[in-house]
PDB file of N, CA and C in Angstrom:
ATOM      1  N   MET A   1      17.553  -0.661  -2.488  1.00  0.00           N
ATOM      2  CA  MET A   1      16.993  -1.169  -1.248  1.00  0.00           C
ATOM      3  C   MET A   1      16.552  -2.613  -1.490  1.00  0.00           C
ATOM      4  N   ALA A   2      17.079  -3.503  -0.687  1.00  0.00           N
ATOM      5  CA  ALA A   2      16.829  -4.940  -0.850  1.00  0.00           C
ATOM      6  C   ALA A   2      15.351  -5.278  -0.753  1.00  0.00           C
ATOM      7  N   GLU A   3      14.652  -4.569   0.087  1.00  0.00           N
ATOM      8  CA  GLU A   3      13.235  -4.859   0.291  1.00  0.00           C
ATOM      9  C   GLU A   3      12.422  -4.604  -0.980  1.00  0.00           C
ATOM     10  N   LEU A   4      12.804  -3.621  -1.785  1.00  0.00           N
ATOM     11  CA  LEU A   4      12.115  -3.372  -3.050  1.00  0.00           C
ATOM     12  C   LEU A   4      12.372  -4.507  -4.037  1.00  0.00           C
ATOM     13  N   ALA A   5      13.574  -5.044  -4.030  1.00  0.00           N
ATOM     14  CA  ALA A   5      13.891  -6.170  -4.913  1.00  0.00           C
ATOM     15  C   ALA A   5      13.039  -7.379  -4.564  1.00  0.00           C
ATOM     16  N   VAL A   6      12.881  -7.646  -3.276  1.00  0.00           N
ATOM     17  CA  VAL A   6      12.047  -8.769  -2.834  1.00  0.00           C
ATOM     18  C   VAL A   6      10.594  -8.532  -3.236  1.00  0.00           C
ATOM     19  N   LEU A   7      10.101  -7.325  -3.002  1.00  0.00           N
ATOM     20  CA  LEU A   7       8.715  -6.985  -3.321  1.00  0.00           C
ATOM     21  C   LEU A   7       8.448  -7.089  -4.822  1.00  0.00           C
ATOM     22  N   SER A   8       9.445  -6.739  -5.628  1.00  0.00           N
ATOM     23  CA  SER A   8       9.249  -6.758  -7.082  1.00  0.00           C
ATOM     24  C   SER A   8       9.142  -8.172  -7.648  1.00  0.00           C
ATOM     25  N   HIS A   9       9.461  -9.187  -6.856  1.00  0.00           N
ATOM     26  CA  HIS A   9       9.242 -10.571  -7.301  1.00  0.00           C
ATOM     27  C   HIS A   9       7.765 -10.950  -7.231  1.00  0.00           C
ATOM     28  N   GLN A  10       7.016 -10.225  -6.409  1.00  0.00           N
ATOM     29  CA  GLN A  10       5.596 -10.533  -6.225  1.00  0.00           C
ATOM     30  C   GLN A  10       4.681  -9.550  -6.955  1.00  0.00           C
ATOM     31  N   PHE A  11       5.117  -8.292  -7.053  1.00  0.00           N
ATOM     32  CA  PHE A  11       4.294  -7.234  -7.642  1.00  0.00           C
ATOM     33  C   PHE A  11       5.122  -6.415  -8.624  1.00  0.00           C
ATOM     34  N   GLN A  12       4.405  -5.683  -9.476  1.00  0.00           N
ATOM     35  CA  GLN A  12       5.071  -4.662 -10.275  1.00  0.00           C
ATOM     36  C   GLN A  12       5.196  -3.437  -9.376  1.00  0.00           C
ATOM     37  N   VAL A  13       6.418  -2.951  -9.179  1.00  0.00           N
ATOM     38  CA  VAL A  13       6.686  -1.885  -8.224  1.00  0.00           C
ATOM     39  C   VAL A  13       7.331  -0.702  -8.934  1.00  0.00           C
ATOM     40  N   VAL A  14       6.826   0.497  -8.638  1.00  0.00           N
ATOM     41  CA  VAL A  14       7.402   1.749  -9.109  1.00  0.00           C
ATOM     42  C   VAL A  14       7.698   2.564  -7.862  1.00  0.00           C
ATOM     43  N   TYR A  15       8.815   3.275  -7.851  1.00  0.00           N
ATOM     44  CA  TYR A  15       9.157   4.031  -6.647  1.00  0.00           C
ATOM     45  C   TYR A  15       9.918   5.302  -6.985  1.00  0.00           C
ATOM     46  N   ASP A  16       9.952   6.183  -6.012  1.00  0.00           N
ATOM     47  CA  ASP A  16      10.685   7.438  -6.102  1.00  0.00           C
ATOM     48  C   ASP A  16      12.161   7.117  -5.892  1.00  0.00           C
ATOM     49  N   ASP A  17      12.931   7.091  -6.980  1.00  0.00           N
ATOM     50  CA  ASP A  17      14.336   6.700  -6.848  1.00  0.00           C
ATOM     51  C   ASP A  17      15.232   7.844  -6.392  1.00  0.00           C
ATOM     52  N   GLU A  18      14.658   9.025  -6.213  1.00  0.00           N
ATOM     53  CA  GLU A  18      15.457  10.156  -5.736  1.00  0.00           C
ATOM     54  C   GLU A  18      15.619  10.133  -4.219  1.00  0.00           C
ATOM     55  N   ASP A  19      14.501  10.094  -3.488  1.00  0.00           N
ATOM     56  CA  ASP A  19      14.599  10.088  -2.022  1.00  0.00           C
ATOM     57  C   ASP A  19      13.696   9.048  -1.366  1.00  0.00           C
ATOM     58  N   LEU A  20      13.148   8.140  -2.154  1.00  0.00           N
ATOM     59  CA  LEU A  20      12.299   7.051  -1.662  1.00  0.00           C
ATOM     60  C   LEU A  20      11.159   7.562  -0.778  1.00  0.00           C
ATOM     61  N   ALA A  21      10.495   8.613  -1.227  1.00  0.00           N
ATOM     62  CA  ALA A  21       9.368   9.180  -0.482  1.00  0.00           C
ATOM     63  C   ALA A  21       8.086   8.385  -0.706  1.00  0.00           C
ATOM     64  N   TRP A  22       8.033   7.590  -1.768  1.00  0.00           N
ATOM     65  CA  TRP A  22       6.841   6.795  -2.047  1.00  0.00           C
ATOM     66  C   TRP A  22       7.211   5.527  -2.820  1.00  0.00           C
ATOM     67  N   VAL A  23       6.351   4.536  -2.678  1.00  0.00           N
ATOM     68  CA  VAL A  23       6.449   3.283  -3.427  1.00  0.00           C
ATOM     69  C   VAL A  23       5.047   2.951  -3.917  1.00  0.00           C
ATOM     70  N   MET A  24       4.910   2.648  -5.209  1.00  0.00           N
ATOM     71  CA  MET A  24       3.616   2.253  -5.755  1.00  0.00           C
ATOM     72  C   MET A  24       3.656   0.777  -6.131  1.00  0.00           C
ATOM     73  N   VAL A  25       2.686   0.042  -5.613  1.00  0.00           N
ATOM     74  CA  VAL A  25       2.514  -1.364  -5.962  1.00  0.00           C
ATOM     75  C   VAL A  25       1.348  -1.432  -6.938  1.00  0.00           C
ATOM     76  N   GLN A  26       1.637  -1.868  -8.150  1.00  0.00           N
ATOM     77  CA  GLN A  26       0.594  -1.948  -9.167  1.00  0.00           C
ATOM     78  C   GLN A  26      -0.023  -3.340  -9.143  1.00  0.00           C
ATOM     79  N   ASP A  27      -1.286  -3.421  -9.509  1.00  0.00           N
ATOM     80  CA  ASP A  27      -2.017  -4.697  -9.549  1.00  0.00           C
ATOM     81  C   ASP A  27      -2.030  -5.404  -8.200  1.00  0.00           C
ATOM     82  N   PHE A  28      -2.216  -4.628  -7.130  1.00  0.00           N
ATOM     83  CA  PHE A  28      -2.321  -5.181  -5.783  1.00  0.00           C
ATOM     84  C   PHE A  28      -3.663  -5.905  -5.668  1.00  0.00           C
ATOM     85  N   PRO A  29      -3.665  -7.186  -5.287  1.00  0.00           N
ATOM     86  CA  PRO A  29      -4.930  -7.925  -5.193  1.00  0.00           C
ATOM     87  C   PRO A  29      -5.772  -7.422  -4.023  1.00  0.00           C
ATOM     88  N   LEU A  30      -7.023  -7.140  -4.293  1.00  0.00           N
ATOM     89  CA  LEU A  30      -7.930  -6.627  -3.268  1.00  0.00           C
ATOM     90  C   LEU A  30      -8.722  -7.771  -2.640  1.00  0.00           C
ATOM     91  N   PRO A  31      -9.138  -7.592  -1.389  1.00  0.00           N
ATOM     92  CA  PRO A  31      -9.927  -8.635  -0.721  1.00  0.00           C
ATOM     93  C   PRO A  31     -11.245  -8.904  -1.449  1.00  0.00           C
ATOM     94  N   ARG A  32     -11.847 -10.015  -1.132  1.00  0.00           N
ATOM     95  CA  ARG A  32     -13.121 -10.431  -1.716  1.00  0.00           C
ATOM     96  C   ARG A  32     -14.162  -9.321  -1.607  1.00  0.00           C
ATOM     97  N   GLY A  33     -14.907  -9.149  -2.670  1.00  0.00           N
ATOM     98  CA  GLY A  33     -15.989  -8.180  -2.684  1.00  0.00           C
ATOM     99  C   GLY A  33     -15.646  -6.877  -3.384  1.00  0.00           C
ATOM    100  N   PHE A  34     -14.380  -6.641  -3.661  1.00  0.00           N
ATOM    101  CA  PHE A  34     -13.992  -5.394  -4.326  1.00  0.00           C
ATOM    102  C   PHE A  34     -14.140  -5.509  -5.830  1.00  0.00           C
ATOM    103  N   GLU A  35     -14.489  -4.402  -6.439  1.00  0.00           N
ATOM    104  CA  GLU A  35     -14.563  -4.290  -7.887  1.00  0.00           C
ATOM    105  C   GLU A  35     -13.920  -2.967  -8.262  1.00  0.00           C
ATOM    106  N   PRO A  36     -12.858  -2.988  -9.039  1.00  0.00           N
ATOM    107  CA  PRO A  36     -12.169  -4.135  -9.602  1.00  0.00           C
ATOM    108  C   PRO A  36     -11.477  -4.954  -8.514  1.00  0.00           C
ATOM    109  N   ASN A  37     -10.917  -6.091  -8.898  1.00  0.00           N
ATOM    110  CA  ASN A  37     -10.297  -6.963  -7.892  1.00  0.00           C
ATOM    111  C   ASN A  37      -8.811  -6.680  -7.687  1.00  0.00           C
ATOM    112  N   GLN A  38      -8.284  -5.695  -8.417  1.00  0.00           N
ATOM    113  CA  GLN A  38      -6.909  -5.238  -8.243  1.00  0.00           C
ATOM    114  C   GLN A  38      -6.887  -3.725  -8.319  1.00  0.00           C
ATOM    115  N   ALA A  39      -5.881  -3.129  -7.679  1.00  0.00           N
ATOM    116  CA  ALA A  39      -5.748  -1.676  -7.709  1.00  0.00           C
ATOM    117  C   ALA A  39      -4.290  -1.305  -7.494  1.00  0.00           C
ATOM    118  N   GLU A  40      -3.994  -0.043  -7.683  1.00  0.00           N
ATOM    119  CA  GLU A  40      -2.671   0.477  -7.363  1.00  0.00           C
ATOM    120  C   GLU A  40      -2.689   0.945  -5.917  1.00  0.00           C
ATOM    121  N   VAL A  41      -1.644   0.606  -5.171  1.00  0.00           N
ATOM    122  CA  VAL A  41      -1.511   1.047  -3.785  1.00  0.00           C
ATOM    123  C   VAL A  41      -0.239   1.879  -3.694  1.00  0.00           C
ATOM    124  N   LEU A  42      -0.382   3.075  -3.175  1.00  0.00           N
ATOM    125  CA  LEU A  42       0.721   4.015  -3.042  1.00  0.00           C
ATOM    126  C   LEU A  42       1.058   4.152  -1.565  1.00  0.00           C
ATOM    127  N   LEU A  43       2.304   3.845  -1.211  1.00  0.00           N
ATOM    128  CA  LEU A  43       2.767   3.934   0.171  1.00  0.00           C
ATOM    129  C   LEU A  43       3.609   5.194   0.324  1.00  0.00           C
ATOM    130  N   PHE A  44       3.324   5.973   1.350  1.00  0.00           N
ATOM    131  CA  PHE A  44       4.084   7.188   1.619  1.00  0.00           C
ATOM    132  C   PHE A  44       5.112   6.894   2.704  1.00  0.00           C
ATOM    133  N   LEU A  45       6.398   6.985   2.346  1.00  0.00           N
ATOM    134  CA  LEU A  45       7.471   6.640   3.269  1.00  0.00           C
ATOM    135  C   LEU A  45       8.057   7.908   3.888  1.00  0.00           C
ATOM    136  N   PRO A  46       8.124   7.961   5.214  1.00  0.00           N
ATOM    137  CA  PRO A  46       8.661   9.146   5.877  1.00  0.00           C
ATOM    138  C   PRO A  46      10.191   9.129   5.885  1.00  0.00           C
ATOM    139  N   PRO A  47      10.813  10.284   6.105  1.00  0.00           N
ATOM    140  CA  PRO A  47      12.258  10.267   6.337  1.00  0.00           C
ATOM    141  C   PRO A  47      12.535   9.352   7.531  1.00  0.00           C
ATOM    142  N   GLY A  48      13.568   8.573   7.442  1.00  0.00           N
ATOM    143  CA  GLY A  48      13.878   7.648   8.522  1.00  0.00           C
ATOM    144  C   GLY A  48      13.360   6.247   8.297  1.00  0.00           C
ATOM    145  N   TYR A  49      12.568   6.039   7.218  1.00  0.00           N
ATOM    146  CA  TYR A  49      12.126   4.686   6.914  1.00  0.00           C
ATOM    147  C   TYR A  49      13.367   3.860   6.601  1.00  0.00           C
ATOM    148  N   PRO A  50      13.535   2.668   7.094  1.00  0.00           N
ATOM    149  CA  PRO A  50      12.579   1.746   7.682  1.00  0.00           C
ATOM    150  C   PRO A  50      12.493   1.782   9.214  1.00  0.00           C
ATOM    151  N   LEU A  51      13.287   2.632   9.857  1.00  0.00           N
ATOM    152  CA  LEU A  51      13.169   2.721  11.316  1.00  0.00           C
ATOM    153  C   LEU A  51      11.844   3.341  11.726  1.00  0.00           C
ATOM    154  N   VAL A  52      11.309   4.209  10.879  1.00  0.00           N
ATOM    155  CA  VAL A  52      10.027   4.878  11.114  1.00  0.00           C
ATOM    156  C   VAL A  52       9.012   4.267  10.152  1.00  0.00           C
ATOM    157  N   PRO A  53       7.851   3.840  10.645  1.00  0.00           N
ATOM    158  CA  PRO A  53       6.888   3.169   9.758  1.00  0.00           C
ATOM    159  C   PRO A  53       6.155   4.136   8.839  1.00  0.00           C
ATOM    160  N   PRO A  54       5.748   3.653   7.660  1.00  0.00           N
ATOM    161  CA  PRO A  54       4.857   4.457   6.828  1.00  0.00           C
ATOM    162  C   PRO A  54       3.512   4.582   7.536  1.00  0.00           C
ATOM    163  N   LEU A  55       2.943   5.755   7.505  1.00  0.00           N
ATOM    164  CA  LEU A  55       1.655   5.952   8.162  1.00  0.00           C
ATOM    165  C   LEU A  55       0.527   6.106   7.161  1.00  0.00           C
ATOM    166  N   GLY A  56       0.842   6.600   5.982  1.00  0.00           N
ATOM    167  CA  GLY A  56      -0.205   6.860   5.013  1.00  0.00           C
ATOM    168  C   GLY A  56      -0.080   6.006   3.770  1.00  0.00           C
ATOM    169  N   TRP A  57      -1.222   5.808   3.132  1.00  0.00           N
ATOM    170  CA  TRP A  57      -1.270   5.076   1.877  1.00  0.00           C
ATOM    171  C   TRP A  57      -2.484   5.538   1.098  1.00  0.00           C
ATOM    172  N   ALA A  58      -2.458   5.252  -0.181  1.00  0.00           N
ATOM    173  CA  ALA A  58      -3.585   5.602  -1.045  1.00  0.00           C
ATOM    174  C   ALA A  58      -3.867   4.422  -1.956  1.00  0.00           C
ATOM    175  N   ILE A  59      -5.101   4.358  -2.399  1.00  0.00           N
ATOM    176  CA  ILE A  59      -5.498   3.310  -3.335  1.00  0.00           C
ATOM    177  C   ILE A  59      -6.160   3.983  -4.527  1.00  0.00           C
ATOM    178  N   GLY A  60      -5.814   3.520  -5.701  1.00  0.00           N
ATOM    179  CA  GLY A  60      -6.377   4.099  -6.908  1.00  0.00           C
ATOM    180  C   GLY A  60      -6.595   3.032  -7.959  1.00  0.00           C
ATOM    181  N   THR A  61      -7.449   3.329  -8.888  1.00  0.00           N
ATOM    182  CA  THR A  61      -7.708   2.413  -9.992  1.00  0.00           C
ATOM    183  C   THR A  61      -7.546   3.165 -11.296  1.00  0.00           C
ATOM    184  N   ARG A  62      -7.364   2.430 -12.344  1.00  0.00           N
ATOM    185  CA  ARG A  62      -7.138   3.075 -13.640  1.00  0.00           C
ATOM    186  C   ARG A  62      -8.341   3.908 -14.091  1.00  0.00           C
ATOM    187  N   ASN A  63      -9.547   3.470 -13.750  1.00  0.00           N
ATOM    188  CA  ASN A  63     -10.728   4.230 -14.174  1.00  0.00           C
ATOM    189  C   ASN A  63     -11.279   5.127 -13.070  1.00  0.00           C
ATOM    190  N   GLY A  64     -10.639   5.130 -11.899  1.00  0.00           N
ATOM    191  CA  GLY A  64     -11.058   6.015 -10.812  1.00  0.00           C
ATOM    192  C   GLY A  64     -12.219   5.494  -9.993  1.00  0.00           C
ATOM    193  N   ALA A  65     -12.758   4.309 -10.312  1.00  0.00           N
ATOM    194  CA  ALA A  65     -13.904   3.769  -9.575  1.00  0.00           C
ATOM    195  C   ALA A  65     -13.460   2.597  -8.715  1.00  0.00           C
ATOM    196  N   LEU A  66     -13.964   2.551  -7.492  1.00  0.00           N
ATOM    197  CA  LEU A  66     -13.646   1.464  -6.576  1.00  0.00           C
ATOM    198  C   LEU A  66     -14.869   1.214  -5.715  1.00  0.00           C
ATOM    199  N   ALA A  67     -15.256  -0.044  -5.610  1.00  0.00           N
ATOM    200  CA  ALA A  67     -16.434  -0.384  -4.814  1.00  0.00           C
ATOM    201  C   ALA A  67     -16.199  -1.702  -4.095  1.00  0.00           C
ATOM    202  N   LYS A  68     -16.850  -1.849  -2.950  1.00  0.00           N
ATOM    203  CA  LYS A  68     -16.830  -3.120  -2.226  1.00  0.00           C
ATOM    204  C   LYS A  68     -18.268  -3.565  -2.048  1.00  0.00           C
ATOM    205  N   PHE A  69     -18.568  -4.767  -2.526  1.00  0.00           N
ATOM    206  CA  PHE A  69     -19.927  -5.309  -2.508  1.00  0.00           C
ATOM    207  C   PHE A  69     -20.932  -4.288  -3.050  1.00  0.00           C
ATOM    208  N   GLY A  70     -20.551  -3.617  -4.148  1.00  0.00           N
ATOM    209  CA  GLY A  70     -21.435  -2.681  -4.823  1.00  0.00           C
ATOM    210  C   GLY A  70     -21.507  -1.297  -4.209  1.00  0.00           C
ATOM    211  N   ARG A  71     -20.895  -1.090  -3.048  1.00  0.00           N
ATOM    212  CA  ARG A  71     -20.919   0.221  -2.394  1.00  0.00           C
ATOM    213  C   ARG A  71     -19.660   0.987  -2.786  1.00  0.00           C
ATOM    214  N   SER A  72     -19.828   2.173  -3.326  1.00  0.00           N
ATOM    215  CA  SER A  72     -18.712   2.971  -3.805  1.00  0.00           C
ATOM    216  C   SER A  72     -17.842   3.451  -2.645  1.00  0.00           C
ATOM    217  N   ILE A  73     -16.535   3.422  -2.852  1.00  0.00           N
ATOM    218  CA  ILE A  73     -15.598   3.986  -1.884  1.00  0.00           C
ATOM    219  C   ILE A  73     -15.231   5.369  -2.380  1.00  0.00           C
ATOM    220  N   GLN A  74     -15.434   6.355  -1.544  1.00  0.00           N
ATOM    221  CA  GLN A  74     -15.233   7.748  -1.923  1.00  0.00           C
ATOM    222  C   GLN A  74     -13.764   8.032  -2.215  1.00  0.00           C
ATOM    223  N   THR A  75     -13.510   8.629  -3.359  1.00  0.00           N
ATOM    224  CA  THR A  75     -12.160   9.069  -3.684  1.00  0.00           C
ATOM    225  C   THR A  75     -12.070  10.564  -3.420  1.00  0.00           C
ATOM    226  N   SER A  76     -10.854  11.022  -3.149  1.00  0.00           N
ATOM    227  CA  SER A  76     -10.738  12.407  -2.711  1.00  0.00           C
ATOM    228  C   SER A  76      -9.955  13.297  -3.659  1.00  0.00           C
ATOM    229  N   ASP A  77      -9.649  12.824  -4.831  1.00  0.00           N
ATOM    230  CA  ASP A  77      -9.053  13.723  -5.812  1.00  0.00           C
ATOM    231  C   ASP A  77      -9.516  13.344  -7.214  1.00  0.00           C
ATOM    232  N   GLU A  78      -9.210  14.198  -8.167  1.00  0.00           N
ATOM    233  CA  GLU A  78      -9.724  14.018  -9.519  1.00  0.00           C
ATOM    234  C   GLU A  78      -9.124  12.812 -10.240  1.00  0.00           C
ATOM    235  N   LYS A  79      -8.030  12.271  -9.743  1.00  0.00           N
ATOM    236  CA  LYS A  79      -7.424  11.103 -10.379  1.00  0.00           C
ATOM    237  C   LYS A  79      -7.958   9.797  -9.816  1.00  0.00           C
ATOM    238  N   GLY A  80      -8.878   9.864  -8.857  1.00  0.00           N
ATOM    239  CA  GLY A  80      -9.495   8.658  -8.337  1.00  0.00           C
ATOM    240  C   GLY A  80      -8.757   7.997  -7.191  1.00  0.00           C
ATOM    241  N   TRP A  81      -7.916   8.722  -6.478  1.00  0.00           N
ATOM    242  CA  TRP A  81      -7.199   8.172  -5.328  1.00  0.00           C
ATOM    243  C   TRP A  81      -8.002   8.381  -4.057  1.00  0.00           C
ATOM    244  N   ALA A  82      -8.015   7.378  -3.223  1.00  0.00           N
ATOM    245  CA  ALA A  82      -8.595   7.481  -1.876  1.00  0.00           C
ATOM    246  C   ALA A  82      -7.433   7.347  -0.892  1.00  0.00           C
ATOM    247  N   TYR A  83      -7.358   8.249   0.075  1.00  0.00           N
ATOM    248  CA  TYR A  83      -6.228   8.309   1.002  1.00  0.00           C
ATOM    249  C   TYR A  83      -6.620   7.778   2.373  1.00  0.00           C
ATOM    250  N   PHE A  84      -5.685   7.056   3.008  1.00  0.00           N
ATOM    251  CA  PHE A  84      -5.940   6.438   4.308  1.00  0.00           C
ATOM    252  C   PHE A  84      -4.708   6.543   5.196  1.00  0.00           C
ATOM    253  N   VAL A  85      -4.929   6.338   6.481  1.00  0.00           N
ATOM    254  CA  VAL A  85      -3.856   6.197   7.458  1.00  0.00           C
ATOM    255  C   VAL A  85      -3.864   4.735   7.886  1.00  0.00           C
ATOM    256  N   LEU A  86      -2.689   4.144   8.051  1.00  0.00           N
ATOM    257  CA  LEU A  86      -2.640   2.759   8.528  1.00  0.00           C
ATOM    258  C   LEU A  86      -3.272   2.679   9.900  1.00  0.00           C
ATOM    259  N   ASP A  87      -4.174   1.733  10.095  1.00  0.00           N
ATOM    260  CA  ASP A  87      -4.834   1.628  11.399  1.00  0.00           C
ATOM    261  C   ASP A  87      -4.132   0.653  12.338  1.00  0.00           C
ATOM    262  N   GLU A  88      -3.101  -0.020  11.861  1.00  0.00           N
ATOM    263  CA  GLU A  88      -2.262  -0.859  12.728  1.00  0.00           C
ATOM    264  C   GLU A  88      -0.898  -0.186  12.777  1.00  0.00           C
ATOM    265  N   THR A  89      -0.533   0.342  13.929  1.00  0.00           N
ATOM    266  CA  THR A  89       0.652   1.188  13.983  1.00  0.00           C
ATOM    267  C   THR A  89       1.849   0.586  14.707  1.00  0.00           C
ATOM    268  N   SER A  90       1.745  -0.637  15.242  1.00  0.00           N
ATOM    269  CA  SER A  90       2.926  -1.234  15.866  1.00  0.00           C
ATOM    270  C   SER A  90       3.978  -1.468  14.779  1.00  0.00           C
ATOM    271  N   TRP A  91       5.249  -1.367  15.145  1.00  0.00           N
ATOM    272  CA  TRP A  91       6.307  -1.465  14.151  1.00  0.00           C
ATOM    273  C   TRP A  91       7.561  -2.022  14.796  1.00  0.00           C
ATOM    274  N   TYR A  92       8.141  -3.035  14.179  1.00  0.00           N
ATOM    275  CA  TYR A  92       9.374  -3.641  14.658  1.00  0.00           C
ATOM    276  C   TYR A  92      10.328  -3.759  13.473  1.00  0.00           C
ATOM    277  N   ALA A  93      11.224  -2.799  13.361  1.00  0.00           N
ATOM    278  CA  ALA A  93      12.171  -2.781  12.245  1.00  0.00           C
ATOM    279  C   ALA A  93      13.425  -3.564  12.614  1.00  0.00           C
ATOM    280  N   THR A  94      13.857  -4.437  11.713  1.00  0.00           N
ATOM    281  CA  THR A  94      15.111  -5.171  11.884  1.00  0.00           C
ATOM    282  C   THR A  94      15.832  -5.201  10.543  1.00  0.00           C
ATOM    283  N   ALA A  95      17.093  -5.575  10.580  1.00  0.00           N
ATOM    284  CA  ALA A  95      17.847  -5.719   9.336  1.00  0.00           C
ATOM    285  C   ALA A  95      17.395  -6.952   8.557  1.00  0.00           C
ATOM    286  N   ASP A  96      16.778  -7.903   9.240  1.00  0.00           N
ATOM    287  CA  ASP A  96      16.305  -9.139   8.622  1.00  0.00           C
ATOM    288  C   ASP A  96      14.867  -8.953   8.145  1.00  0.00           C
ATOM    289  N   LEU A  97      14.676  -8.932   6.831  1.00  0.00           N
ATOM    290  CA  LEU A  97      13.341  -8.705   6.271  1.00  0.00           C
ATOM    291  C   LEU A  97      12.335  -9.770   6.692  1.00  0.00           C
ATOM    292  N   ALA A  98      12.799 -10.981   6.926  1.00  0.00           N
ATOM    293  CA  ALA A  98      11.878 -12.069   7.263  1.00  0.00           C
ATOM    294  C   ALA A  98      11.319 -11.948   8.675  1.00  0.00           C
ATOM    295  N   SER A  99      12.064 -11.345   9.594  1.00  0.00           N
ATOM    296  CA  SER A  99      11.599 -11.304  10.987  1.00  0.00           C
ATOM    297  C   SER A  99      11.068  -9.944  11.423  1.00  0.00           C
ATOM    298  N   GLY A 100      11.348  -8.904  10.668  1.00  0.00           N
ATOM    299  CA  GLY A 100      10.899  -7.571  11.066  1.00  0.00           C
ATOM    300  C   GLY A 100       9.826  -7.028  10.151  1.00  0.00           C
ATOM    301  N   ASP A 101       9.320  -5.860  10.512  1.00  0.00           N
ATOM    302  CA  ASP A 101       8.321  -5.194   9.684  1.00  0.00           C
ATOM    303  C   ASP A 101       8.995  -4.488   8.513  1.00  0.00           C
ATOM    304  N   GLY A 102       8.254  -4.365   7.440  1.00  0.00           N
ATOM    305  CA  GLY A 102       8.735  -3.705   6.237  1.00  0.00           C
ATOM    306  C   GLY A 102       7.572  -3.506   5.287  1.00  0.00           C
ATOM    307  N   LEU A 103       7.874  -3.253   4.038  1.00  0.00           N
ATOM    308  CA  LEU A 103       6.816  -3.016   3.058  1.00  0.00           C
ATOM    309  C   LEU A 103       5.890  -4.218   2.933  1.00  0.00           C
ATOM    310  N   HIS A 104       6.421  -5.423   3.079  1.00  0.00           N
ATOM    311  CA  HIS A 104       5.572  -6.618   2.987  1.00  0.00           C
ATOM    312  C   HIS A 104       4.533  -6.641   4.113  1.00  0.00           C
ATOM    313  N   THR A 105       4.914  -6.250   5.323  1.00  0.00           N
ATOM    314  CA  THR A 105       3.930  -6.241   6.413  1.00  0.00           C
ATOM    315  C   THR A 105       2.963  -5.071   6.268  1.00  0.00           C
ATOM    316  N   VAL A 106       3.438  -3.966   5.691  1.00  0.00           N
ATOM    317  CA  VAL A 106       2.534  -2.839   5.434  1.00  0.00           C
ATOM    318  C   VAL A 106       1.443  -3.276   4.463  1.00  0.00           C
ATOM    319  N   LEU A 107       1.810  -4.001   3.411  1.00  0.00           N
ATOM    320  CA  LEU A 107       0.812  -4.470   2.445  1.00  0.00           C
ATOM    321  C   LEU A 107      -0.155  -5.466   3.074  1.00  0.00           C
ATOM    322  N   GLU A 108       0.331  -6.313   3.965  1.00  0.00           N
ATOM    323  CA  GLU A 108      -0.567  -7.227   4.686  1.00  0.00           C
ATOM    324  C   GLU A 108      -1.557  -6.441   5.541  1.00  0.00           C
ATOM    325  N   ARG A 109      -1.086  -5.389   6.199  1.00  0.00           N
ATOM    326  CA  ARG A 109      -1.958  -4.556   7.036  1.00  0.00           C
ATOM    327  C   ARG A 109      -2.986  -3.813   6.190  1.00  0.00           C
ATOM    328  N   ILE A 110      -2.563  -3.353   5.019  1.00  0.00           N
ATOM    329  CA  ILE A 110      -3.495  -2.675   4.117  1.00  0.00           C
ATOM    330  C   ILE A 110      -4.583  -3.648   3.671  1.00  0.00           C
ATOM    331  N   ALA A 111      -4.211  -4.873   3.337  1.00  0.00           N
ATOM    332  CA  ALA A 111      -5.208  -5.877   2.929  1.00  0.00           C
ATOM    333  C   ALA A 111      -6.205  -6.122   4.059  1.00  0.00           C
ATOM    334  N   ARG A 112      -5.718  -6.215   5.295  1.00  0.00           N
ATOM    335  CA  ARG A 112      -6.636  -6.408   6.433  1.00  0.00           C
ATOM    336  C   ARG A 112      -7.531  -5.185   6.621  1.00  0.00           C
ATOM    337  N   GLN A 113      -6.954  -3.997   6.479  1.00  0.00           N
ATOM    338  CA  GLN A 113      -7.737  -2.774   6.633  1.00  0.00           C
ATOM    339  C   GLN A 113      -8.815  -2.694   5.556  1.00  0.00           C
ATOM    340  N   LEU A 114      -8.477  -3.025   4.334  1.00  0.00           N
ATOM    341  CA  LEU A 114      -9.473  -3.037   3.258  1.00  0.00           C
ATOM    342  C   LEU A 114     -10.555  -4.076   3.531  1.00  0.00           C
ATOM    343  N   GLY A 115     -10.169  -5.207   4.082  1.00  0.00           N
ATOM    344  CA  GLY A 115     -11.140  -6.250   4.399  1.00  0.00           C
ATOM    345  C   GLY A 115     -12.152  -5.827   5.449  1.00  0.00           C
ATOM    346  N   ARG A 116     -11.770  -4.879   6.301  1.00  0.00           N
ATOM    347  CA  ARG A 116     -12.685  -4.398   7.344  1.00  0.00           C
ATOM    348  C   ARG A 116     -13.588  -3.264   6.873  1.00  0.00           C
ATOM    349  N   MET A 117     -13.384  -2.771   5.669  1.00  0.00           N
ATOM    350  CA  MET A 117     -14.205  -1.652   5.177  1.00  0.00           C
ATOM    351  C   MET A 117     -15.616  -2.110   4.891  1.00  0.00           C
TER     352      MET A 117
END
């Protein structure tokens, strides 16, 4: 998938190469105030992606702890992952990665969502 190749120029990316059900972006930079300042972001891709947008994502850290301005963000499993639904759901899929939505716009939306926490 061309979009993964583009994304891998900016981030370290791991993905499900069997059916592309998930993509993990490692060392994703977090907005100001987060500790640590980077985390792993896991995107859950539905069947039909990229015509159908990803709705869910998770954030995790190597030590399982995540806080913003000293306030802990609750994780929901023993490995330290916190699960979310994208709060911006408009989606415009095109064959042109530069003009349509894709993993790059999902990551931008996640950064904005984290900034509002």
